[in-house]
Amino acid sequence: MSIIKLNNNGVKDATAFGSITGLGNLVFISRSTASSSSSLSITSGIDSTYKEYIFMFNKIHPSTQAHFQVNFSADGGSNYNVTKTTTFFFASHTETSSDTSLSYQGGYDLAQSTAAQPLGLSFSSDNDAGGAGYMHLFDPSNTTFVKHFIAVTGGFTDSDYYNTNYTAGYANTTSAVDAVQFSMASGNIDSGTIDMYGVK
């Protein structure tokens, strides 16, 4: 078991920490930058080097209000059509507090489907809006088990709602997943970046 040692008397007064071991390290692999892009496809760097990959979505701004989505490839990006089973729910809140909700959204689940999986609902194309978040992909090079993924995104919609979206599921293949594609359900990713990290 790892031990965190404080070099000061109390956490609230701590200015330095001793060594922390066994928690893993994030290793930056690549950055994909959108510029009126129909999709951002990551086709290299996803291999057996790491057992977990994290994708960070920063300032994703669509050309038109649309869902932000993901799909996977098992052939280096020639086809993004890996079969998936997923689940989806979200919390939402208006700027005026006139409406709030927390709900399971079965219409955005996939049941053994090759379609793209929504990660964020109705990201706004307003100049000051868009979305952000992250996705974890676990052991994509494993050729024995299916490939699990979880994602959390937050996005502002044109209806003055802020949605926090929660997605989880698995790519139902024992082939290695070696490419990932992010896109909007309609229109382009006008701007934004997606950073990929490996977890040591």
C-alpha atoms as a PDB file:
ATOM      1  CA  MET A   1       0.000   0.000   0.000  1.00  0.00           C
ATOM      2  CA  SER A   2       1.250   3.495  -0.848  1.00  0.00           C
ATOM      3  CA  ILE A   3       1.707   6.054   1.926  1.00  0.00           C
ATOM      4  CA  ILE A   4       1.456   9.808   1.473  1.00  0.00           C
ATOM      5  CA  LYS A   5       3.750  11.614   3.896  1.00  0.00           C
ATOM      6  CA  LEU A   6       3.056  15.250   4.791  1.00  0.00           C
ATOM      7  CA  ASN A   7       6.155  17.340   5.395  1.00  0.00           C
ATOM      8  CA  ASN A   8       4.111  19.792   7.509  1.00  0.00           C
ATOM      9  CA  ASN A   9       1.865  19.292  10.514  1.00  0.00           C
ATOM     10  CA  GLY A  10      -1.565  19.647   8.883  1.00  0.00           C
ATOM     11  CA  VAL A  11      -3.048  19.261   5.426  1.00  0.00           C
ATOM     12  CA  LYS A  12      -4.468  22.799   5.404  1.00  0.00           C
ATOM     13  CA  ASP A  13      -0.987  24.216   6.122  1.00  0.00           C
ATOM     14  CA  ALA A  14       0.962  21.838   3.895  1.00  0.00           C
ATOM     15  CA  THR A  15       3.283  23.446   1.371  1.00  0.00           C
ATOM     16  CA  ALA A  16       5.067  20.254   0.331  1.00  0.00           C
ATOM     17  CA  PHE A  17       4.312  16.555   0.144  1.00  0.00           C
ATOM     18  CA  GLY A  18       6.636  13.616   0.457  1.00  0.00           C
ATOM     19  CA  SER A  19       6.826  11.004  -2.280  1.00  0.00           C
ATOM     20  CA  ILE A  20       3.640   9.411  -3.562  1.00  0.00           C
ATOM     21  CA  THR A  21       4.111   5.981  -5.130  1.00  0.00           C
ATOM     22  CA  GLY A  22       1.862   3.467  -6.822  1.00  0.00           C
ATOM     23  CA  LEU A  23      -0.670   5.971  -8.153  1.00  0.00           C
ATOM     24  CA  GLY A  24       0.458   5.842 -11.790  1.00  0.00           C
ATOM     25  CA  ASN A  25       1.558   8.626 -14.101  1.00  0.00           C
ATOM     26  CA  LEU A  26      -0.083  10.322 -17.062  1.00  0.00           C
ATOM     27  CA  VAL A  27       2.107  10.335 -20.154  1.00  0.00           C
ATOM     28  CA  PHE A  28       1.179  12.839 -22.846  1.00  0.00           C
ATOM     29  CA  ILE A  29       0.998  11.156 -26.260  1.00  0.00           C
ATOM     30  CA  SER A  30      -0.678  13.517 -28.713  1.00  0.00           C
ATOM     31  CA  ARG A  31      -2.904  16.546 -29.282  1.00  0.00           C
ATOM     32  CA  SER A  32      -5.513  16.706 -32.039  1.00  0.00           C
ATOM     33  CA  THR A  33      -6.703  20.215 -32.929  1.00  0.00           C
ATOM     34  CA  ALA A  34      -9.989  20.860 -34.704  1.00  0.00           C
ATOM     35  CA  SER A  35     -10.431  23.557 -37.336  1.00  0.00           C
ATOM     36  CA  SER A  36     -13.818  23.139 -39.010  1.00  0.00           C
ATOM     37  CA  SER A  37     -13.102  19.397 -38.871  1.00  0.00           C
ATOM     38  CA  SER A  38     -15.697  16.781 -39.767  1.00  0.00           C
ATOM     39  CA  SER A  39     -14.011  14.544 -37.184  1.00  0.00           C
ATOM     40  CA  LEU A  40     -10.849  14.108 -35.145  1.00  0.00           C
ATOM     41  CA  SER A  41      -9.444  10.616 -35.702  1.00  0.00           C
ATOM     42  CA  ILE A  42      -6.640   9.294 -33.526  1.00  0.00           C
ATOM     43  CA  THR A  43      -4.986   6.500 -35.471  1.00  0.00           C
ATOM     44  CA  SER A  44      -1.578   6.188 -33.818  1.00  0.00           C
ATOM     45  CA  GLY A  45      -0.309   5.787 -30.279  1.00  0.00           C
ATOM     46  CA  ILE A  46      -3.114   3.457 -29.137  1.00  0.00           C
ATOM     47  CA  ASP A  47      -1.302   0.182 -28.602  1.00  0.00           C
ATOM     48  CA  SER A  48      -0.104  -2.232 -25.926  1.00  0.00           C
ATOM     49  CA  THR A  49       2.235   0.347 -24.339  1.00  0.00           C
ATOM     50  CA  TYR A  50      -0.434   1.308 -21.778  1.00  0.00           C
ATOM     51  CA  LYS A  51      -3.356  -0.513 -20.176  1.00  0.00           C
ATOM     52  CA  GLU A  52      -5.425   2.690 -20.001  1.00  0.00           C
ATOM     53  CA  TYR A  53      -5.756   5.750 -22.212  1.00  0.00           C
ATOM     54  CA  ILE A  54      -7.383   9.049 -21.282  1.00  0.00           C
ATOM     55  CA  PHE A  55      -8.743  11.533 -23.811  1.00  0.00           C
ATOM     56  CA  MET A  56      -9.235  15.120 -22.604  1.00  0.00           C
ATOM     57  CA  PHE A  57     -11.747  17.258 -24.514  1.00  0.00           C
ATOM     58  CA  ASN A  58     -10.980  20.972 -24.319  1.00  0.00           C
ATOM     59  CA  LYS A  59     -13.238  23.791 -25.574  1.00  0.00           C
ATOM     60  CA  ILE A  60     -15.104  21.627 -28.096  1.00  0.00           C
ATOM     61  CA  HIS A  61     -17.070  24.130 -30.181  1.00  0.00           C
ATOM     62  CA  PRO A  62     -19.391  22.798 -32.907  1.00  0.00           C
ATOM     63  CA  SER A  63     -20.410  24.561 -36.101  1.00  0.00           C
ATOM     64  CA  THR A  64     -24.057  23.887 -35.225  1.00  0.00           C
ATOM     65  CA  GLN A  65     -25.752  22.589 -32.074  1.00  0.00           C
ATOM     66  CA  ALA A  66     -25.191  18.829 -32.074  1.00  0.00           C
ATOM     67  CA  HIS A  67     -24.271  15.822 -29.971  1.00  0.00           C
ATOM     68  CA  PHE A  68     -20.564  15.117 -29.432  1.00  0.00           C
ATOM     69  CA  GLN A  69     -19.854  11.436 -30.115  1.00  0.00           C
ATOM     70  CA  VAL A  70     -17.236   8.687 -30.360  1.00  0.00           C
ATOM     71  CA  ASN A  71     -16.647   5.527 -32.352  1.00  0.00           C
ATOM     72  CA  PHE A  72     -13.894   2.913 -32.385  1.00  0.00           C
ATOM     73  CA  SER A  73     -11.881   1.048 -35.009  1.00  0.00           C
ATOM     74  CA  ALA A  74     -10.190  -2.344 -34.973  1.00  0.00           C
ATOM     75  CA  ASP A  75      -8.520  -1.891 -38.369  1.00  0.00           C
ATOM     76  CA  GLY A  76      -6.331   1.171 -37.915  1.00  0.00           C
ATOM     77  CA  GLY A  77      -9.063   3.656 -38.764  1.00  0.00           C
ATOM     78  CA  SER A  78     -10.252   2.203 -42.077  1.00  0.00           C
ATOM     79  CA  ASN A  79     -13.681   1.668 -40.497  1.00  0.00           C
ATOM     80  CA  TYR A  80     -15.207   3.063 -37.307  1.00  0.00           C
ATOM     81  CA  ASN A  81     -17.822   0.405 -36.711  1.00  0.00           C
ATOM     82  CA  VAL A  82     -16.961  -1.602 -33.592  1.00  0.00           C
ATOM     83  CA  THR A  83     -20.061  -3.099 -31.949  1.00  0.00           C
ATOM     84  CA  LYS A  84     -20.903  -1.405 -28.639  1.00  0.00           C
ATOM     85  CA  THR A  85     -23.271  -1.759 -25.697  1.00  0.00           C
ATOM     86  CA  THR A  86     -23.589   1.363 -23.546  1.00  0.00           C
ATOM     87  CA  THR A  87     -25.602   3.331 -21.020  1.00  0.00           C
ATOM     88  CA  PHE A  88     -26.173   7.076 -20.686  1.00  0.00           C
ATOM     89  CA  PHE A  89     -27.592   9.531 -18.140  1.00  0.00           C
ATOM     90  CA  PHE A  90     -27.309  13.243 -17.503  1.00  0.00           C
ATOM     91  CA  ALA A  91     -27.990  16.063 -15.076  1.00  0.00           C
ATOM     92  CA  SER A  92     -29.150  19.446 -16.382  1.00  0.00           C
ATOM     93  CA  HIS A  93     -29.796  22.930 -15.034  1.00  0.00           C
ATOM     94  CA  THR A  94     -30.934  26.170 -16.644  1.00  0.00           C
ATOM     95  CA  GLU A  95     -29.244  29.531 -16.089  1.00  0.00           C
ATOM     96  CA  THR A  96     -32.443  30.831 -14.485  1.00  0.00           C
ATOM     97  CA  SER A  97     -32.964  27.702 -12.313  1.00  0.00           C
ATOM     98  CA  SER A  98     -36.376  27.332 -13.950  1.00  0.00           C
ATOM     99  CA  ASP A  99     -35.735  23.667 -14.698  1.00  0.00           C
ATOM    100  CA  THR A 100     -33.445  20.996 -13.301  1.00  0.00           C
ATOM    101  CA  SER A 101     -33.304  17.284 -13.963  1.00  0.00           C
ATOM    102  CA  LEU A 102     -31.337  14.107 -13.412  1.00  0.00           C
ATOM    103  CA  SER A 103     -32.392  11.351 -15.753  1.00  0.00           C
ATOM    104  CA  TYR A 104     -31.475   8.119 -17.446  1.00  0.00           C
ATOM    105  CA  GLN A 105     -31.584   8.620 -21.217  1.00  0.00           C
ATOM    106  CA  GLY A 106     -32.276   5.242 -22.802  1.00  0.00           C
ATOM    107  CA  GLY A 107     -32.582   6.823 -26.231  1.00  0.00           C
ATOM    108  CA  TYR A 108     -28.818   7.433 -26.221  1.00  0.00           C
ATOM    109  CA  ASP A 109     -27.879   3.897 -25.164  1.00  0.00           C
ATOM    110  CA  LEU A 110     -26.548   1.429 -27.691  1.00  0.00           C
ATOM    111  CA  ALA A 111     -27.407  -2.290 -27.638  1.00  0.00           C
ATOM    112  CA  GLN A 112     -24.973  -4.203 -29.841  1.00  0.00           C
ATOM    113  CA  SER A 113     -24.794  -1.328 -32.302  1.00  0.00           C
ATOM    114  CA  THR A 114     -22.004  -0.104 -34.557  1.00  0.00           C
ATOM    115  CA  ALA A 115     -23.337   3.487 -34.475  1.00  0.00           C
ATOM    116  CA  ALA A 116     -21.360   6.318 -32.872  1.00  0.00           C
ATOM    117  CA  GLN A 117     -21.976   6.727 -29.127  1.00  0.00           C
ATOM    118  CA  PRO A 118     -23.113  10.175 -27.903  1.00  0.00           C
ATOM    119  CA  LEU A 119     -20.838  11.530 -25.166  1.00  0.00           C
ATOM    120  CA  GLY A 120     -22.319  15.007 -24.849  1.00  0.00           C
ATOM    121  CA  LEU A 121     -25.814  16.182 -25.721  1.00  0.00           C
ATOM    122  CA  SER A 122     -26.515  19.266 -27.810  1.00  0.00           C
ATOM    123  CA  PHE A 123     -23.268  21.188 -27.440  1.00  0.00           C
ATOM    124  CA  SER A 124     -24.109  24.769 -28.361  1.00  0.00           C
ATOM    125  CA  SER A 125     -22.583  26.671 -31.285  1.00  0.00           C
ATOM    126  CA  ASP A 126     -23.032  30.036 -29.516  1.00  0.00           C
ATOM    127  CA  ASN A 127     -19.783  32.025 -29.586  1.00  0.00           C
ATOM    128  CA  ASP A 128     -19.239  31.636 -25.831  1.00  0.00           C
ATOM    129  CA  ALA A 129     -20.399  28.019 -25.554  1.00  0.00           C
ATOM    130  CA  GLY A 130     -19.329  24.455 -26.316  1.00  0.00           C
ATOM    131  CA  GLY A 131     -18.256  21.513 -24.203  1.00  0.00           C
ATOM    132  CA  ALA A 132     -15.427  19.753 -22.391  1.00  0.00           C
ATOM    133  CA  GLY A 133     -14.717  16.505 -20.574  1.00  0.00           C
ATOM    134  CA  TYR A 134     -12.786  13.255 -20.687  1.00  0.00           C
ATOM    135  CA  MET A 135     -12.998   9.596 -21.664  1.00  0.00           C
ATOM    136  CA  HIS A 136     -11.107   6.587 -20.300  1.00  0.00           C
ATOM    137  CA  LEU A 137     -10.464   3.602 -22.587  1.00  0.00           C
ATOM    138  CA  PHE A 138      -9.237   0.485 -20.814  1.00  0.00           C
ATOM    139  CA  ASP A 139      -6.756  -2.048 -22.196  1.00  0.00           C
ATOM    140  CA  PRO A 140      -7.590  -1.479 -25.886  1.00  0.00           C
ATOM    141  CA  SER A 141      -4.905  -3.870 -27.163  1.00  0.00           C
ATOM    142  CA  ASN A 142      -6.198  -6.844 -25.193  1.00  0.00           C
ATOM    143  CA  THR A 143      -7.160  -9.696 -27.527  1.00  0.00           C
ATOM    144  CA  THR A 144      -9.018 -11.768 -24.924  1.00  0.00           C
ATOM    145  CA  PHE A 145     -11.581  -9.387 -23.403  1.00  0.00           C
ATOM    146  CA  VAL A 146     -13.979  -6.663 -24.528  1.00  0.00           C
ATOM    147  CA  LYS A 147     -12.841  -3.029 -24.196  1.00  0.00           C
ATOM    148  CA  HIS A 148     -14.504  -0.920 -21.497  1.00  0.00           C
ATOM    149  CA  PHE A 149     -14.809   2.865 -21.614  1.00  0.00           C
ATOM    150  CA  ILE A 150     -16.310   5.580 -19.409  1.00  0.00           C
ATOM    151  CA  ALA A 151     -16.786   9.269 -20.156  1.00  0.00           C
ATOM    152  CA  VAL A 152     -17.972  12.466 -18.503  1.00  0.00           C
ATOM    153  CA  THR A 153     -18.663  15.641 -20.448  1.00  0.00           C
ATOM    154  CA  GLY A 154     -20.192  19.001 -19.685  1.00  0.00           C
ATOM    155  CA  GLY A 155     -21.798  21.205 -22.278  1.00  0.00           C
ATOM    156  CA  PHE A 156     -23.877  24.328 -22.681  1.00  0.00           C
ATOM    157  CA  THR A 157     -26.917  24.041 -24.969  1.00  0.00           C
ATOM    158  CA  ASP A 158     -28.686  26.659 -27.095  1.00  0.00           C
ATOM    159  CA  SER A 159     -31.645  26.433 -24.698  1.00  0.00           C
ATOM    160  CA  ASP A 160     -29.567  27.886 -21.830  1.00  0.00           C
ATOM    161  CA  TYR A 161     -29.210  24.491 -20.172  1.00  0.00           C
ATOM    162  CA  TYR A 162     -25.949  23.119 -18.835  1.00  0.00           C
ATOM    163  CA  ASN A 163     -25.763  19.337 -19.134  1.00  0.00           C
ATOM    164  CA  THR A 164     -23.366  17.007 -17.365  1.00  0.00           C
ATOM    165  CA  ASN A 165     -23.341  13.762 -19.341  1.00  0.00           C
ATOM    166  CA  TYR A 166     -22.272  10.328 -18.082  1.00  0.00           C
ATOM    167  CA  THR A 167     -21.538   7.487 -20.499  1.00  0.00           C
ATOM    168  CA  ALA A 168     -20.170   3.985 -19.971  1.00  0.00           C
ATOM    169  CA  GLY A 169     -20.048   0.822 -21.981  1.00  0.00           C
ATOM    170  CA  TYR A 170     -17.889  -1.624 -23.835  1.00  0.00           C
ATOM    171  CA  ALA A 171     -16.658  -2.237 -27.350  1.00  0.00           C
ATOM    172  CA  ASN A 172     -17.724  -5.825 -27.904  1.00  0.00           C
ATOM    173  CA  THR A 173     -14.665  -7.119 -29.705  1.00  0.00           C
ATOM    174  CA  THR A 174     -11.698  -9.260 -28.779  1.00  0.00           C
ATOM    175  CA  SER A 175      -9.688  -7.614 -31.555  1.00  0.00           C
ATOM    176  CA  ALA A 176      -7.400  -4.777 -30.526  1.00  0.00           C
ATOM    177  CA  VAL A 177      -9.013  -1.330 -30.700  1.00  0.00           C
ATOM    178  CA  ASP A 178      -6.311   0.770 -32.361  1.00  0.00           C
ATOM    179  CA  ALA A 179      -8.078   3.971 -33.443  1.00  0.00           C
ATOM    180  CA  VAL A 180     -10.724   6.312 -32.006  1.00  0.00           C
ATOM    181  CA  GLN A 181     -12.815   8.913 -33.818  1.00  0.00           C
ATOM    182  CA  PHE A 182     -14.600  11.898 -32.263  1.00  0.00           C
ATOM    183  CA  SER A 183     -17.185  13.914 -34.198  1.00  0.00           C
ATOM    184  CA  MET A 184     -20.410  15.887 -33.976  1.00  0.00           C
ATOM    185  CA  ALA A 185     -23.656  14.128 -34.909  1.00  0.00           C
ATOM    186  CA  SER A 186     -24.134  16.900 -37.492  1.00  0.00           C
ATOM    187  CA  GLY A 187     -21.882  19.680 -38.739  1.00  0.00           C
ATOM    188  CA  ASN A 188     -18.214  20.038 -37.831  1.00  0.00           C
ATOM    189  CA  ILE A 189     -16.048  20.433 -34.767  1.00  0.00           C
ATOM    190  CA  ASP A 190     -15.399  24.104 -35.388  1.00  0.00           C
ATOM    191  CA  SER A 191     -12.559  24.329 -32.855  1.00  0.00           C
ATOM    192  CA  GLY A 192     -11.130  22.633 -29.781  1.00  0.00           C
ATOM    193  CA  THR A 193      -8.482  20.102 -28.842  1.00  0.00           C
ATOM    194  CA  ILE A 194      -8.391  16.479 -27.755  1.00  0.00           C
ATOM    195  CA  ASP A 195      -5.310  15.409 -25.782  1.00  0.00           C
ATOM    196  CA  MET A 196      -4.478  11.728 -25.419  1.00  0.00           C
ATOM    197  CA  TYR A 197      -2.556  10.370 -22.421  1.00  0.00           C
ATOM    198  CA  GLY A 198      -1.333   6.927 -21.490  1.00  0.00           C
ATOM    199  CA  VAL A 199      -1.561   5.820 -17.854  1.00  0.00           C
ATOM    200  CA  LYS A 200       1.630   4.173 -16.604  1.00  0.00           C
END
